[in-house]
PDB file of all heavy atoms in Angstrom:
ATOM      1  N   GLY A   1     -38.184 252.417  -5.608  1.00  0.00           N
ATOM      2  CA  GLY A   1     -38.604 252.429  -7.059  1.00  0.00           C
ATOM      3  C   GLY A   1     -39.625 251.252  -7.248  1.00  0.00           C
ATOM      4  O   GLY A   1     -40.021 250.643  -6.362  1.00  0.00           O
ATOM      5  N   ALA A   2     -39.609 251.089  -8.626  1.00  0.00           N
ATOM      6  CA  ALA A   2     -40.608 250.005  -9.028  1.00  0.00           C
ATOM      7  C   ALA A   2     -39.831 248.646  -8.801  1.00  0.00           C
ATOM      8  O   ALA A   2     -38.558 248.583  -8.896  1.00  0.00           O
ATOM      9  CB  ALA A   2     -40.993 250.097 -10.381  1.00  0.00           C
ATOM     10  N   THR A   3     -40.618 247.667  -8.544  1.00  0.00           N
ATOM     11  CA  THR A   3     -40.029 246.237  -8.350  1.00  0.00           C
ATOM     12  C   THR A   3     -39.772 245.674  -9.768  1.00  0.00           C
ATOM     13  O   THR A   3     -40.634 245.743 -10.626  1.00  0.00           O
ATOM     14  CB  THR A   3     -41.101 245.440  -7.587  1.00  0.00           C
ATOM     15  OG1 THR A   3     -41.378 246.054  -6.391  1.00  0.00           O
ATOM     16  CG2 THR A   3     -40.426 244.068  -7.371  1.00  0.00           C
ATOM     17  N   THR A   4     -38.540 245.046  -9.862  1.00  0.00           N
ATOM     18  CA  THR A   4     -38.147 244.429 -11.062  1.00  0.00           C
ATOM     19  C   THR A   4     -37.830 242.972 -10.746  1.00  0.00           C
ATOM     20  O   THR A   4     -37.622 242.578  -9.554  1.00  0.00           O
ATOM     21  CB  THR A   4     -36.930 245.124 -11.685  1.00  0.00           C
ATOM     22  OG1 THR A   4     -35.850 244.877 -10.787  1.00  0.00           O
ATOM     23  CG2 THR A   4     -37.118 246.591 -11.951  1.00  0.00           C
ATOM     24  N   GLY A   5     -37.737 242.116 -11.684  1.00  0.00           N
ATOM     25  CA  GLY A   5     -37.474 240.732 -11.682  1.00  0.00           C
ATOM     26  C   GLY A   5     -36.050 240.472 -11.116  1.00  0.00           C
ATOM     27  O   GLY A   5     -35.766 239.600 -10.387  1.00  0.00           O
ATOM     28  N   GLY A   6     -35.121 241.386 -11.451  1.00  0.00           N
ATOM     29  CA  GLY A   6     -33.661 241.314 -11.065  1.00  0.00           C
ATOM     30  C   GLY A   6     -33.590 241.478  -9.440  1.00  0.00           C
ATOM     31  O   GLY A   6     -32.844 240.881  -8.734  1.00  0.00           O
ATOM     32  N   GLN A   7     -34.381 242.416  -8.988  1.00  0.00           N
ATOM     33  CA  GLN A   7     -34.323 242.640  -7.562  1.00  0.00           C
ATOM     34  C   GLN A   7     -34.932 241.460  -6.731  1.00  0.00           C
ATOM     35  O   GLN A   7     -34.501 241.126  -5.700  1.00  0.00           O
ATOM     36  CB  GLN A   7     -35.167 243.973  -7.287  1.00  0.00           C
ATOM     37  CG  GLN A   7     -34.591 245.206  -7.793  1.00  0.00           C
ATOM     38  CD  GLN A   7     -35.611 246.296  -7.789  1.00  0.00           C
ATOM     39  OE1 GLN A   7     -36.819 246.115  -7.553  1.00  0.00           O
ATOM     40  NE2 GLN A   7     -35.142 247.471  -8.204  1.00  0.00           N
ATOM     41  N   ILE A   8     -36.018 240.845  -7.435  1.00  0.00           N
ATOM     42  CA  ILE A   8     -36.741 239.658  -6.656  1.00  0.00           C
ATOM     43  C   ILE A   8     -35.664 238.634  -6.743  1.00  0.00           C
ATOM     44  O   ILE A   8     -35.389 237.858  -5.630  1.00  0.00           O
ATOM     45  CB  ILE A   8     -37.943 239.331  -7.404  1.00  0.00           C
ATOM     46  CG1 ILE A   8     -38.914 240.383  -7.204  1.00  0.00           C
ATOM     47  CG2 ILE A   8     -38.482 238.013  -6.857  1.00  0.00           C
ATOM     48  CD1 ILE A   8     -40.279 240.281  -8.041  1.00  0.00           C
ATOM     49  N   TRP A   9     -34.987 238.382  -7.853  1.00  0.00           N
ATOM     50  CA  TRP A   9     -34.012 237.249  -7.901  1.00  0.00           C
ATOM     51  C   TRP A   9     -32.888 237.519  -6.972  1.00  0.00           C
ATOM     52  O   TRP A   9     -32.348 236.669  -6.367  1.00  0.00           O
ATOM     53  CB  TRP A   9     -33.577 237.006  -9.338  1.00  0.00           C
ATOM     54  CG  TRP A   9     -34.525 236.179 -10.123  1.00  0.00           C
ATOM     55  CD1 TRP A   9     -35.304 236.531 -11.066  1.00  0.00           C
ATOM     56  CD2 TRP A   9     -34.741 234.869  -9.826  1.00  0.00           C
ATOM     57  NE1 TRP A   9     -36.095 235.474 -11.492  1.00  0.00           N
ATOM     58  CE2 TRP A   9     -35.805 234.344 -10.839  1.00  0.00           C
ATOM     59  CE3 TRP A   9     -34.276 233.819  -8.990  1.00  0.00           C
ATOM     60  CZ2 TRP A   9     -36.306 233.000 -10.873  1.00  0.00           C
ATOM     61  CZ3 TRP A   9     -34.919 232.459  -9.009  1.00  0.00           C
ATOM     62  CH2 TRP A   9     -35.835 232.235  -9.912  1.00  0.00           C
ATOM     63  N   LEU A  10     -32.433 238.775  -6.778  1.00  0.00           N
ATOM     64  CA  LEU A  10     -31.401 239.057  -5.895  1.00  0.00           C
ATOM     65  C   LEU A  10     -31.705 238.650  -4.550  1.00  0.00           C
ATOM     66  O   LEU A  10     -31.003 238.095  -3.773  1.00  0.00           O
ATOM     67  CB  LEU A  10     -30.929 240.504  -5.976  1.00  0.00           C
ATOM     68  CG  LEU A  10     -29.991 241.004  -4.864  1.00  0.00           C
ATOM     69  CD1 LEU A  10     -28.602 240.484  -5.268  1.00  0.00           C
ATOM     70  CD2 LEU A  10     -29.978 242.462  -4.737  1.00  0.00           C
ATOM     71  N   GLY A  11     -32.918 239.076  -4.127  1.00  0.00           N
ATOM     72  CA  GLY A  11     -33.342 238.707  -2.668  1.00  0.00           C
ATOM     73  C   GLY A  11     -33.547 237.225  -2.514  1.00  0.00           C
ATOM     74  O   GLY A  11     -33.214 236.596  -1.456  1.00  0.00           O
ATOM     75  N   VAL A  12     -34.042 236.439  -3.483  1.00  0.00           N
ATOM     76  CA  VAL A  12     -34.349 235.045  -3.375  1.00  0.00           C
ATOM     77  C   VAL A  12     -32.971 234.305  -3.414  1.00  0.00           C
ATOM     78  O   VAL A  12     -32.668 233.339  -2.476  1.00  0.00           O
ATOM     79  CB  VAL A  12     -35.165 234.446  -4.613  1.00  0.00           C
ATOM     80  CG1 VAL A  12     -35.181 233.007  -4.602  1.00  0.00           C
ATOM     81  CG2 VAL A  12     -36.587 235.022  -4.464  1.00  0.00           C
ATOM     82  N   VAL A  13     -32.080 234.674  -4.236  1.00  0.00           N
ATOM     83  CA  VAL A  13     -30.733 233.985  -4.317  1.00  0.00           C
ATOM     84  C   VAL A  13     -29.859 234.270  -3.043  1.00  0.00           C
ATOM     85  O   VAL A  13     -29.282 233.288  -2.452  1.00  0.00           O
ATOM     86  CB  VAL A  13     -29.990 234.170  -5.654  1.00  0.00           C
ATOM     87  CG1 VAL A  13     -28.589 233.713  -5.478  1.00  0.00           C
ATOM     88  CG2 VAL A  13     -30.829 233.666  -6.830  1.00  0.00           C
ATOM     89  N   SER A  14     -29.903 235.473  -2.693  1.00  0.00           N
ATOM     90  CA  SER A  14     -29.027 235.712  -1.507  1.00  0.00           C
ATOM     91  C   SER A  14     -29.606 235.199  -0.244  1.00  0.00           C
ATOM     92  O   SER A  14     -28.908 234.806   0.613  1.00  0.00           O
ATOM     93  CB  SER A  14     -28.866 237.325  -1.361  1.00  0.00           C
ATOM     94  OG  SER A  14     -30.112 238.068  -1.085  1.00  0.00           O
ATOM     95  N   GLY A  15     -30.828 235.285   0.002  1.00  0.00           N
ATOM     96  CA  GLY A  15     -31.605 234.555   1.140  1.00  0.00           C
ATOM     97  C   GLY A  15     -31.359 233.073   1.148  1.00  0.00           C
ATOM     98  O   GLY A  15     -31.108 232.504   2.137  1.00  0.00           O
ATOM     99  N   ALA A  16     -31.487 232.439  -0.046  1.00  0.00           N
ATOM    100  CA  ALA A  16     -31.269 231.004  -0.037  1.00  0.00           C
ATOM    101  C   ALA A  16     -29.807 230.625   0.131  1.00  0.00           C
ATOM    102  O   ALA A  16     -29.606 229.667   0.889  1.00  0.00           O
ATOM    103  CB  ALA A  16     -31.645 230.480  -1.505  1.00  0.00           C
ATOM    104  N   ALA A  17     -28.919 231.398  -0.431  1.00  0.00           N
ATOM    105  CA  ALA A  17     -27.573 231.117  -0.178  1.00  0.00           C
ATOM    106  C   ALA A  17     -27.136 231.181   1.268  1.00  0.00           C
ATOM    107  O   ALA A  17     -26.339 230.452   1.964  1.00  0.00           O
ATOM    108  CB  ALA A  17     -26.636 232.099  -1.018  1.00  0.00           C
ATOM    109  N   PHE A  18     -27.604 232.369   1.951  1.00  0.00           N
ATOM    110  CA  PHE A  18     -27.325 232.558   3.454  1.00  0.00           C
ATOM    111  C   PHE A  18     -27.998 231.453   4.238  1.00  0.00           C
ATOM    112  O   PHE A  18     -27.438 231.003   5.156  1.00  0.00           O
ATOM    113  CB  PHE A  18     -27.891 233.930   3.764  1.00  0.00           C
ATOM    114  CG  PHE A  18     -27.594 234.246   5.255  1.00  0.00           C
ATOM    115  CD1 PHE A  18     -26.344 234.553   5.706  1.00  0.00           C
ATOM    116  CD2 PHE A  18     -28.592 234.278   6.243  1.00  0.00           C
ATOM    117  CE1 PHE A  18     -26.061 234.855   7.006  1.00  0.00           C
ATOM    118  CE2 PHE A  18     -28.269 234.420   7.505  1.00  0.00           C
ATOM    119  CZ  PHE A  18     -27.031 234.702   7.914  1.00  0.00           C
ATOM    120  N   ALA A  19     -29.253 231.001   3.854  1.00  0.00           N
ATOM    121  CA  ALA A  19     -29.902 229.975   4.624  1.00  0.00           C
ATOM    122  C   ALA A  19     -29.064 228.693   4.513  1.00  0.00           C
ATOM    123  O   ALA A  19     -28.915 227.868   5.521  1.00  0.00           O
ATOM    124  CB  ALA A  19     -31.333 229.864   4.081  1.00  0.00           C
ATOM    125  N   VAL A  20     -28.724 228.302   3.414  1.00  0.00           N
ATOM    126  CA  VAL A  20     -27.925 227.101   3.198  1.00  0.00           C
ATOM    127  C   VAL A  20     -26.521 227.219   3.884  1.00  0.00           C
ATOM    128  O   VAL A  20     -26.213 226.118   4.580  1.00  0.00           O
ATOM    129  CB  VAL A  20     -27.615 226.841   1.593  1.00  0.00           C
ATOM    130  CG1 VAL A  20     -26.573 225.685   1.400  1.00  0.00           C
ATOM    131  CG2 VAL A  20     -29.020 226.445   0.934  1.00  0.00           C
ATOM    132  N   LEU A  21     -25.933 228.259   3.846  1.00  0.00           N
ATOM    133  CA  LEU A  21     -24.637 228.403   4.601  1.00  0.00           C
ATOM    134  C   LEU A  21     -24.929 228.248   6.043  1.00  0.00           C
ATOM    135  O   LEU A  21     -24.162 227.717   6.819  1.00  0.00           O
ATOM    136  CB  LEU A  21     -23.867 229.636   4.203  1.00  0.00           C
ATOM    137  CG  LEU A  21     -23.227 229.775   2.835  1.00  0.00           C
ATOM    138  CD1 LEU A  21     -22.786 231.091   2.570  1.00  0.00           C
ATOM    139  CD2 LEU A  21     -22.180 228.643   2.760  1.00  0.00           C
ATOM    140  N   CYS A  22     -25.825 228.991   6.517  1.00  0.00           N
ATOM    141  CA  CYS A  22     -26.233 228.971   7.929  1.00  0.00           C
ATOM    142  C   CYS A  22     -26.530 227.509   8.362  1.00  0.00           C
ATOM    143  O   CYS A  22     -26.214 227.114   9.492  1.00  0.00           O
ATOM    144  CB  CYS A  22     -27.423 229.986   8.274  1.00  0.00           C
ATOM    145  SG  CYS A  22     -27.694 230.255   9.920  1.00  0.00           S
ATOM    146  N   HIS A  23     -27.399 226.854   7.576  1.00  0.00           N
ATOM    147  CA  HIS A  23     -27.734 225.459   8.044  1.00  0.00           C
ATOM    148  C   HIS A  23     -26.621 224.585   8.011  1.00  0.00           C
ATOM    149  O   HIS A  23     -26.383 223.711   8.833  1.00  0.00           O
ATOM    150  CB  HIS A  23     -28.836 224.944   7.081  1.00  0.00           C
ATOM    151  CG  HIS A  23     -29.255 223.625   7.444  1.00  0.00           C
ATOM    152  ND1 HIS A  23     -29.976 223.271   8.517  1.00  0.00           N
ATOM    153  CD2 HIS A  23     -29.089 222.411   6.759  1.00  0.00           C
ATOM    154  CE1 HIS A  23     -30.374 222.007   8.549  1.00  0.00           C
ATOM    155  NE2 HIS A  23     -29.714 221.427   7.473  1.00  0.00           N
ATOM    156  N   ALA A  24     -25.568 224.769   7.091  1.00  0.00           N
ATOM    157  CA  ALA A  24     -24.511 223.982   6.961  1.00  0.00           C
ATOM    158  C   ALA A  24     -23.557 224.166   8.166  1.00  0.00           C
ATOM    159  O   ALA A  24     -23.018 223.295   8.771  1.00  0.00           O
ATOM    160  CB  ALA A  24     -23.715 224.156   5.795  1.00  0.00           C
ATOM    161  N   LEU A  25     -23.448 225.378   8.556  1.00  0.00           N
ATOM    162  CA  LEU A  25     -22.833 225.704   9.873  1.00  0.00           C
ATOM    163  C   LEU A  25     -23.359 225.123  11.049  1.00  0.00           C
ATOM    164  O   LEU A  25     -22.680 224.638  11.941  1.00  0.00           O
ATOM    165  CB  LEU A  25     -22.527 227.173   9.999  1.00  0.00           C
ATOM    166  CG  LEU A  25     -21.719 227.775  11.170  1.00  0.00           C
ATOM    167  CD1 LEU A  25     -20.337 227.162  11.143  1.00  0.00           C
ATOM    168  CD2 LEU A  25     -21.693 229.122  11.252  1.00  0.00           C
ATOM    169  N   VAL A  26     -24.687 225.177  11.191  1.00  0.00           N
ATOM    170  CA  VAL A  26     -25.321 224.611  12.327  1.00  0.00           C
ATOM    171  C   VAL A  26     -25.129 223.110  12.323  1.00  0.00           C
ATOM    172  O   VAL A  26     -24.964 222.455  13.461  1.00  0.00           O
ATOM    173  CB  VAL A  26     -26.809 225.005  12.328  1.00  0.00           C
ATOM    174  CG1 VAL A  26     -27.669 224.158  13.273  1.00  0.00           C
ATOM    175  CG2 VAL A  26     -27.088 226.489  12.621  1.00  0.00           C
ATOM    176  N   ARG A  27     -25.034 222.446  11.217  1.00  0.00           N
ATOM    177  CA  ARG A  27     -24.985 220.961  11.080  1.00  0.00           C
ATOM    178  C   ARG A  27     -23.587 220.547  11.572  1.00  0.00           C
ATOM    179  O   ARG A  27     -23.271 219.504  12.144  1.00  0.00           O
ATOM    180  CB  ARG A  27     -25.169 220.486   9.665  1.00  0.00           C
ATOM    181  CG  ARG A  27     -26.521 220.608   9.254  1.00  0.00           C
ATOM    182  CD  ARG A  27     -27.474 219.552   9.848  1.00  0.00           C
ATOM    183  NE  ARG A  27     -26.938 218.210   9.637  1.00  0.00           N
ATOM    184  CZ  ARG A  27     -27.715 217.314   9.020  1.00  0.00           C
ATOM    185  NH1 ARG A  27     -28.880 217.517   8.593  1.00  0.00           N
ATOM    186  NH2 ARG A  27     -27.092 216.057   8.942  1.00  0.00           N
TER     187      ARG A  27
END
């Protein structure tokens, strides 16, 4: 469908949270 702001924020927040958790685990 059409792109909305909520979908973009979902992608940004979930990607950032996963990256932070992954980096913390690597550390």
